[in-house]
Amino acid sequence: MQLIKDYQFIKNLYEVRRGRLMGRGIPSELADTTKPGCINNLLYIAMFVKTFLNFVEIHKCSNPLSMQLKI
């Protein structure tokens, strides 16, 4: 149950800027974070990418729980 809550938390608060993904081997159709389901695809790809993905807390719109994926 906790894993589902963690996944939903990341899914709801996950933000990736398109410019950070371009040129890193991820197709532009996956880099477009406005499309439904793109977060699931990126998290799936992240399991196989040989790099460290750092989730960093950012304070945006007075919401301290916002997170950003730093690539």
PDB file of N, CA and C in Angstrom:
ATOM      1  N   MET A   1       0.823  -1.193   0.000  1.00  0.00           N
ATOM      2  CA  MET A   1       0.000   0.000   0.000  1.00  0.00           C
ATOM      3  C   MET A   1       0.873   1.264   0.000  1.00  0.00           C
ATOM      4  N   GLN A   2       1.965   1.219   0.780  1.00  0.00           N
ATOM      5  CA  GLN A   2       2.854   2.376   0.825  1.00  0.00           C
ATOM      6  C   GLN A   2       3.515   2.606  -0.531  1.00  0.00           C
ATOM      7  N   LEU A   3       3.855   1.522  -1.220  1.00  0.00           N
ATOM      8  CA  LEU A   3       4.475   1.640  -2.541  1.00  0.00           C
ATOM      9  C   LEU A   3       3.537   2.329  -3.527  1.00  0.00           C
ATOM     10  N   ILE A   4       2.258   2.002  -3.450  1.00  0.00           N
ATOM     11  CA  ILE A   4       1.266   2.643  -4.324  1.00  0.00           C
ATOM     12  C   ILE A   4       1.169   4.123  -4.007  1.00  0.00           C
ATOM     13  N   LYS A   5       1.177   4.465  -2.716  1.00  0.00           N
ATOM     14  CA  LYS A   5       1.107   5.874  -2.326  1.00  0.00           C
ATOM     15  C   LYS A   5       2.349   6.628  -2.790  1.00  0.00           C
ATOM     16  N   ASP A   6       3.520   5.989  -2.653  1.00  0.00           N
ATOM     17  CA  ASP A   6       4.756   6.628  -3.112  1.00  0.00           C
ATOM     18  C   ASP A   6       4.720   6.853  -4.619  1.00  0.00           C
ATOM     19  N   TYR A   7       4.247   5.848  -5.357  1.00  0.00           N
ATOM     20  CA  TYR A   7       4.155   5.968  -6.809  1.00  0.00           C
ATOM     21  C   TYR A   7       3.205   7.098  -7.195  1.00  0.00           C
ATOM     22  N   GLN A   8       2.055   7.167  -6.521  1.00  0.00           N
ATOM     23  CA  GLN A   8       1.089   8.221  -6.831  1.00  0.00           C
ATOM     24  C   GLN A   8       1.655   9.587  -6.487  1.00  0.00           C
ATOM     25  N   PHE A   9       2.415   9.669  -5.379  1.00  0.00           N
ATOM     26  CA  PHE A   9       3.029  10.933  -4.989  1.00  0.00           C
ATOM     27  C   PHE A   9       4.001  11.408  -6.066  1.00  0.00           C
ATOM     28  N   ILE A  10       4.861  10.489  -6.516  1.00  0.00           N
ATOM     29  CA  ILE A  10       5.825  10.848  -7.562  1.00  0.00           C
ATOM     30  C   ILE A  10       5.105  11.192  -8.855  1.00  0.00           C
ATOM     31  N   LYS A  11       4.091  10.397  -9.188  1.00  0.00           N
ATOM     32  CA  LYS A  11       3.361  10.623 -10.435  1.00  0.00           C
ATOM     33  C   LYS A  11       2.654  11.970 -10.429  1.00  0.00           C
ATOM     34  N   ASN A  12       2.066  12.351  -9.290  1.00  0.00           N
ATOM     35  CA  ASN A  12       1.314  13.599  -9.217  1.00  0.00           C
ATOM     36  C   ASN A  12       2.215  14.825  -9.155  1.00  0.00           C
ATOM     37  N   LEU A  13       3.395  14.690  -8.580  1.00  0.00           N
ATOM     38  CA  LEU A  13       4.250  15.855  -8.373  1.00  0.00           C
ATOM     39  C   LEU A  13       5.492  15.876  -9.257  1.00  0.00           C
ATOM     40  N   TYR A  14       5.574  14.942 -10.167  1.00  0.00           N
ATOM     41  CA  TYR A  14       6.755  14.774 -11.017  1.00  0.00           C
ATOM     42  C   TYR A  14       6.735  15.801 -12.151  1.00  0.00           C
ATOM     43  N   GLU A  15       7.806  16.555 -12.264  1.00  0.00           N
ATOM     44  CA  GLU A  15       7.893  17.561 -13.325  1.00  0.00           C
ATOM     45  C   GLU A  15       9.249  17.433 -14.006  1.00  0.00           C
ATOM     46  N   VAL A  16       9.230  17.359 -15.312  1.00  0.00           N
ATOM     47  CA  VAL A  16      10.474  17.321 -16.075  1.00  0.00           C
ATOM     48  C   VAL A  16      10.355  18.347 -17.189  1.00  0.00           C
ATOM     49  N   ARG A  17      11.340  19.177 -17.318  1.00  0.00           N
ATOM     50  CA  ARG A  17      11.323  20.142 -18.415  1.00  0.00           C
ATOM     51  C   ARG A  17      11.749  19.457 -19.697  1.00  0.00           C
ATOM     52  N   ARG A  18      11.055  19.774 -20.751  1.00  0.00           N
ATOM     53  CA  ARG A  18      11.332  19.134 -22.037  1.00  0.00           C
ATOM     54  C   ARG A  18      12.769  19.382 -22.492  1.00  0.00           C
ATOM     55  N   GLY A  19      13.285  20.550 -22.246  1.00  0.00           N
ATOM     56  CA  GLY A  19      14.639  20.883 -22.674  1.00  0.00           C
ATOM     57  C   GLY A  19      15.707  20.023 -22.031  1.00  0.00           C
ATOM     58  N   ARG A  20      15.476  19.543 -20.827  1.00  0.00           N
ATOM     59  CA  ARG A  20      16.457  18.697 -20.158  1.00  0.00           C
ATOM     60  C   ARG A  20      16.528  17.320 -20.785  1.00  0.00           C
ATOM     61  N   LEU A  21      15.449  16.875 -21.395  1.00  0.00           N
ATOM     62  CA  LEU A  21      15.424  15.533 -21.946  1.00  0.00           C
ATOM     63  C   LEU A  21      15.911  15.478 -23.384  1.00  0.00           C
ATOM     64  N   MET A  22      15.772  16.559 -24.102  1.00  0.00           N
ATOM     65  CA  MET A  22      16.152  16.548 -25.506  1.00  0.00           C
ATOM     66  C   MET A  22      17.661  16.340 -25.629  1.00  0.00           C
ATOM     67  N   GLY A  23      18.058  15.508 -26.567  1.00  0.00           N
ATOM     68  CA  GLY A  23      19.468  15.263 -26.780  1.00  0.00           C
ATOM     69  C   GLY A  23      20.075  14.240 -25.848  1.00  0.00           C
ATOM     70  N   ARG A  24      19.259  13.550 -25.071  1.00  0.00           N
ATOM     71  CA  ARG A  24      19.782  12.555 -24.136  1.00  0.00           C
ATOM     72  C   ARG A  24      19.345  11.150 -24.502  1.00  0.00           C
ATOM     73  N   GLY A  25      18.975  10.934 -25.739  1.00  0.00           N
ATOM     74  CA  GLY A  25      18.605   9.597 -26.173  1.00  0.00           C
ATOM     75  C   GLY A  25      17.156   9.238 -25.929  1.00  0.00           C
ATOM     76  N   ILE A  26      16.361  10.186 -25.455  1.00  0.00           N
ATOM     77  CA  ILE A  26      14.940   9.943 -25.235  1.00  0.00           C
ATOM     78  C   ILE A  26      14.183  10.620 -26.369  1.00  0.00           C
ATOM     79  N   PRO A  27      13.350   9.891 -27.100  1.00  0.00           N
ATOM     80  CA  PRO A  27      12.614  10.489 -28.216  1.00  0.00           C
ATOM     81  C   PRO A  27      11.765  11.676 -27.769  1.00  0.00           C
ATOM     82  N   SER A  28      11.593  12.636 -28.665  1.00  0.00           N
ATOM     83  CA  SER A  28      10.862  13.850 -28.309  1.00  0.00           C
ATOM     84  C   SER A  28       9.420  13.562 -27.925  1.00  0.00           C
ATOM     85  N   GLU A  29       8.822  12.489 -28.499  1.00  0.00           N
ATOM     86  CA  GLU A  29       7.432  12.204 -28.123  1.00  0.00           C
ATOM     87  C   GLU A  29       7.327  11.738 -26.675  1.00  0.00           C
ATOM     88  N   LEU A  30       8.398  11.161 -26.129  1.00  0.00           N
ATOM     89  CA  LEU A  30       8.395  10.807 -24.710  1.00  0.00           C
ATOM     90  C   LEU A  30       8.804  11.989 -23.849  1.00  0.00           C
ATOM     91  N   ALA A  31       9.601  12.889 -24.417  1.00  0.00           N
ATOM     92  CA  ALA A  31      10.056  14.044 -23.659  1.00  0.00           C
ATOM     93  C   ALA A  31       8.950  15.069 -23.464  1.00  0.00           C
ATOM     94  N   ASP A  32       7.895  14.994 -24.253  1.00  0.00           N
ATOM     95  CA  ASP A  32       6.778  15.924 -24.119  1.00  0.00           C
ATOM     96  C   ASP A  32       5.961  15.520 -22.903  1.00  0.00           C
ATOM     97  N   THR A  33       6.184  16.198 -21.789  1.00  0.00           N
ATOM     98  CA  THR A  33       5.551  15.816 -20.529  1.00  0.00           C
ATOM     99  C   THR A  33       4.095  16.243 -20.436  1.00  0.00           C
ATOM    100  N   THR A  34       3.563  16.875 -21.482  1.00  0.00           N
ATOM    101  CA  THR A  34       2.153  17.256 -21.448  1.00  0.00           C
ATOM    102  C   THR A  34       1.254  16.112 -21.886  1.00  0.00           C
ATOM    103  N   LYS A  35       1.829  15.062 -22.483  1.00  0.00           N
ATOM    104  CA  LYS A  35       1.015  13.948 -22.957  1.00  0.00           C
ATOM    105  C   LYS A  35       0.656  13.014 -21.807  1.00  0.00           C
ATOM    106  N   PRO A  36      -0.563  12.475 -21.806  1.00  0.00           N
ATOM    107  CA  PRO A  36      -0.941  11.525 -20.759  1.00  0.00           C
ATOM    108  C   PRO A  36      -0.084  10.265 -20.839  1.00  0.00           C
ATOM    109  N   GLY A  37       0.348   9.780 -19.697  1.00  0.00           N
ATOM    110  CA  GLY A  37       1.124   8.552 -19.652  1.00  0.00           C
ATOM    111  C   GLY A  37       2.617   8.728 -19.822  1.00  0.00           C
ATOM    112  N   CYS A  38       3.091   9.951 -20.077  1.00  0.00           N
ATOM    113  CA  CYS A  38       4.524  10.122 -20.309  1.00  0.00           C
ATOM    114  C   CYS A  38       5.326   9.875 -19.039  1.00  0.00           C
ATOM    115  N   ILE A  39       4.748  10.181 -17.884  1.00  0.00           N
ATOM    116  CA  ILE A  39       5.457   9.960 -16.625  1.00  0.00           C
ATOM    117  C   ILE A  39       5.727   8.473 -16.440  1.00  0.00           C
ATOM    118  N   ASN A  40       4.738   7.647 -16.745  1.00  0.00           N
ATOM    119  CA  ASN A  40       4.920   6.201 -16.630  1.00  0.00           C
ATOM    120  C   ASN A  40       6.037   5.725 -17.545  1.00  0.00           C
ATOM    121  N   ASN A  41       6.068   6.238 -18.760  1.00  0.00           N
ATOM    122  CA  ASN A  41       7.110   5.847 -19.713  1.00  0.00           C
ATOM    123  C   ASN A  41       8.495   6.269 -19.234  1.00  0.00           C
ATOM    124  N   LEU A  42       8.607   7.485 -18.719  1.00  0.00           N
ATOM    125  CA  LEU A  42       9.905   7.970 -18.270  1.00  0.00           C
ATOM    126  C   LEU A  42      10.397   7.201 -17.053  1.00  0.00           C
ATOM    127  N   LEU A  43       9.489   6.877 -16.126  1.00  0.00           N
ATOM    128  CA  LEU A  43       9.894   6.094 -14.963  1.00  0.00           C
ATOM    129  C   LEU A  43      10.295   4.687 -15.373  1.00  0.00           C
ATOM    130  N   TYR A  44       9.634   4.136 -16.386  1.00  0.00           N
ATOM    131  CA  TYR A  44       9.999   2.815 -16.898  1.00  0.00           C
ATOM    132  C   TYR A  44      11.394   2.859 -17.530  1.00  0.00           C
ATOM    133  N   ILE A  45      11.648   3.891 -18.332  1.00  0.00           N
ATOM    134  CA  ILE A  45      12.954   4.047 -18.970  1.00  0.00           C
ATOM    135  C   ILE A  45      14.037   4.252 -17.914  1.00  0.00           C
ATOM    136  N   ALA A  46      13.702   4.983 -16.851  1.00  0.00           N
ATOM    137  CA  ALA A  46      14.687   5.281 -15.808  1.00  0.00           C
ATOM    138  C   ALA A  46      15.218   4.017 -15.147  1.00  0.00           C
ATOM    139  N   MET A  47      14.437   2.937 -15.152  1.00  0.00           N
ATOM    140  CA  MET A  47      14.903   1.684 -14.560  1.00  0.00           C
ATOM    141  C   MET A  47      16.081   1.113 -15.335  1.00  0.00           C
ATOM    142  N   PHE A  48      16.178   1.421 -16.625  1.00  0.00           N
ATOM    143  CA  PHE A  48      17.203   0.833 -17.475  1.00  0.00           C
ATOM    144  C   PHE A  48      18.328   1.800 -17.831  1.00  0.00           C
ATOM    145  N   VAL A  49      18.178   3.054 -17.480  1.00  0.00           N
ATOM    146  CA  VAL A  49      19.201   4.050 -17.794  1.00  0.00           C
ATOM    147  C   VAL A  49      20.342   3.902 -16.794  1.00  0.00           C
ATOM    148  N   LYS A  50      21.570   3.863 -17.299  1.00  0.00           N
ATOM    149  CA  LYS A  50      22.722   3.689 -16.421  1.00  0.00           C
ATOM    150  C   LYS A  50      23.226   5.049 -15.957  1.00  0.00           C
ATOM    151  N   THR A  51      22.428   5.708 -15.160  1.00  0.00           N
ATOM    152  CA  THR A  51      22.809   6.984 -14.575  1.00  0.00           C
ATOM    153  C   THR A  51      22.023   7.144 -13.286  1.00  0.00           C
ATOM    154  N   PHE A  52      22.433   8.057 -12.464  1.00  0.00           N
ATOM    155  CA  PHE A  52      21.726   8.309 -11.224  1.00  0.00           C
ATOM    156  C   PHE A  52      20.718   9.423 -11.463  1.00  0.00           C
ATOM    157  N   LEU A  53      19.491   9.172 -11.084  1.00  0.00           N
ATOM    158  CA  LEU A  53      18.442  10.168 -11.203  1.00  0.00           C
ATOM    159  C   LEU A  53      18.175  10.717  -9.806  1.00  0.00           C
ATOM    160  N   ASN A  54      18.304  12.004  -9.653  1.00  0.00           N
ATOM    161  CA  ASN A  54      18.159  12.619  -8.338  1.00  0.00           C
ATOM    162  C   ASN A  54      16.844  13.372  -8.260  1.00  0.00           C
ATOM    163  N   PHE A  55      15.996  12.967  -7.314  1.00  0.00           N
ATOM    164  CA  PHE A  55      14.789  13.720  -7.056  1.00  0.00           C
ATOM    165  C   PHE A  55      15.130  14.796  -6.034  1.00  0.00           C
ATOM    166  N   VAL A  56      14.878  16.039  -6.392  1.00  0.00           N
ATOM    167  CA  VAL A  56      15.231  17.161  -5.542  1.00  0.00           C
ATOM    168  C   VAL A  56      13.951  17.895  -5.175  1.00  0.00           C
ATOM    169  N   GLU A  57      13.823  18.228  -3.900  1.00  0.00           N
ATOM    170  CA  GLU A  57      12.653  18.998  -3.478  1.00  0.00           C
ATOM    171  C   GLU A  57      12.824  20.439  -3.936  1.00  0.00           C
ATOM    172  N   ILE A  58      11.766  20.995  -4.482  1.00  0.00           N
ATOM    173  CA  ILE A  58      11.771  22.402  -4.868  1.00  0.00           C
ATOM    174  C   ILE A  58      10.535  23.049  -4.270  1.00  0.00           C
ATOM    175  N   HIS A  59      10.639  24.320  -3.988  1.00  0.00           N
ATOM    176  CA  HIS A  59       9.504  25.056  -3.437  1.00  0.00           C
ATOM    177  C   HIS A  59       8.909  25.892  -4.560  1.00  0.00           C
ATOM    178  N   LYS A  60       7.768  25.457  -5.038  1.00  0.00           N
ATOM    179  CA  LYS A  60       7.117  26.135  -6.146  1.00  0.00           C
ATOM    180  C   LYS A  60       5.653  26.326  -5.777  1.00  0.00           C
ATOM    181  N   CYS A  61       5.155  27.511  -5.940  1.00  0.00           N
ATOM    182  CA  CYS A  61       3.753  27.832  -5.660  1.00  0.00           C
ATOM    183  C   CYS A  61       3.395  27.509  -4.209  1.00  0.00           C
ATOM    184  N   SER A  62       4.298  27.776  -3.289  1.00  0.00           N
ATOM    185  CA  SER A  62       4.086  27.555  -1.858  1.00  0.00           C
ATOM    186  C   SER A  62       3.767  26.111  -1.526  1.00  0.00           C
ATOM    187  N   ASN A  63       4.241  25.187  -2.322  1.00  0.00           N
ATOM    188  CA  ASN A  63       4.015  23.767  -2.068  1.00  0.00           C
ATOM    189  C   ASN A  63       5.369  23.102  -1.823  1.00  0.00           C
ATOM    190  N   PRO A  64       5.745  22.880  -0.553  1.00  0.00           N
ATOM    191  CA  PRO A  64       7.067  22.309  -0.267  1.00  0.00           C
ATOM    192  C   PRO A  64       7.194  20.851  -0.674  1.00  0.00           C
ATOM    193  N   LEU A  65       6.105  20.202  -1.070  1.00  0.00           N
ATOM    194  CA  LEU A  65       6.151  18.798  -1.439  1.00  0.00           C
ATOM    195  C   LEU A  65       6.442  18.591  -2.919  1.00  0.00           C
ATOM    196  N   SER A  66       6.591  19.689  -3.665  1.00  0.00           N
ATOM    197  CA  SER A  66       6.886  19.564  -5.092  1.00  0.00           C
ATOM    198  C   SER A  66       8.249  18.928  -5.277  1.00  0.00           C
ATOM    199  N   MET A  67       8.349  18.084  -6.292  1.00  0.00           N
ATOM    200  CA  MET A  67       9.622  17.430  -6.582  1.00  0.00           C
ATOM    201  C   MET A  67       9.958  17.629  -8.052  1.00  0.00           C
ATOM    202  N   GLN A  68      11.228  17.639  -8.331  1.00  0.00           N
ATOM    203  CA  GLN A  68      11.682  17.786  -9.705  1.00  0.00           C
ATOM    204  C   GLN A  68      12.744  16.731  -9.963  1.00  0.00           C
ATOM    205  N   LEU A  69      12.683  16.118 -11.106  1.00  0.00           N
ATOM    206  CA  LEU A  69      13.682  15.125 -11.482  1.00  0.00           C
ATOM    207  C   LEU A  69      14.855  15.840 -12.117  1.00  0.00           C
ATOM    208  N   LYS A  70      16.007  15.715 -11.507  1.00  0.00           N
ATOM    209  CA  LYS A  70      17.201  16.391 -12.004  1.00  0.00           C
ATOM    210  C   LYS A  70      18.042  15.374 -12.748  1.00  0.00           C
ATOM    211  N   ILE A  71      18.208  15.583 -14.048  1.00  0.00           N
ATOM    212  CA  ILE A  71      18.959  14.646 -14.887  1.00  0.00           C
ATOM    213  C   ILE A  71      20.306  15.245 -15.214  1.00  0.00           C
TER     214      ILE A  71
END
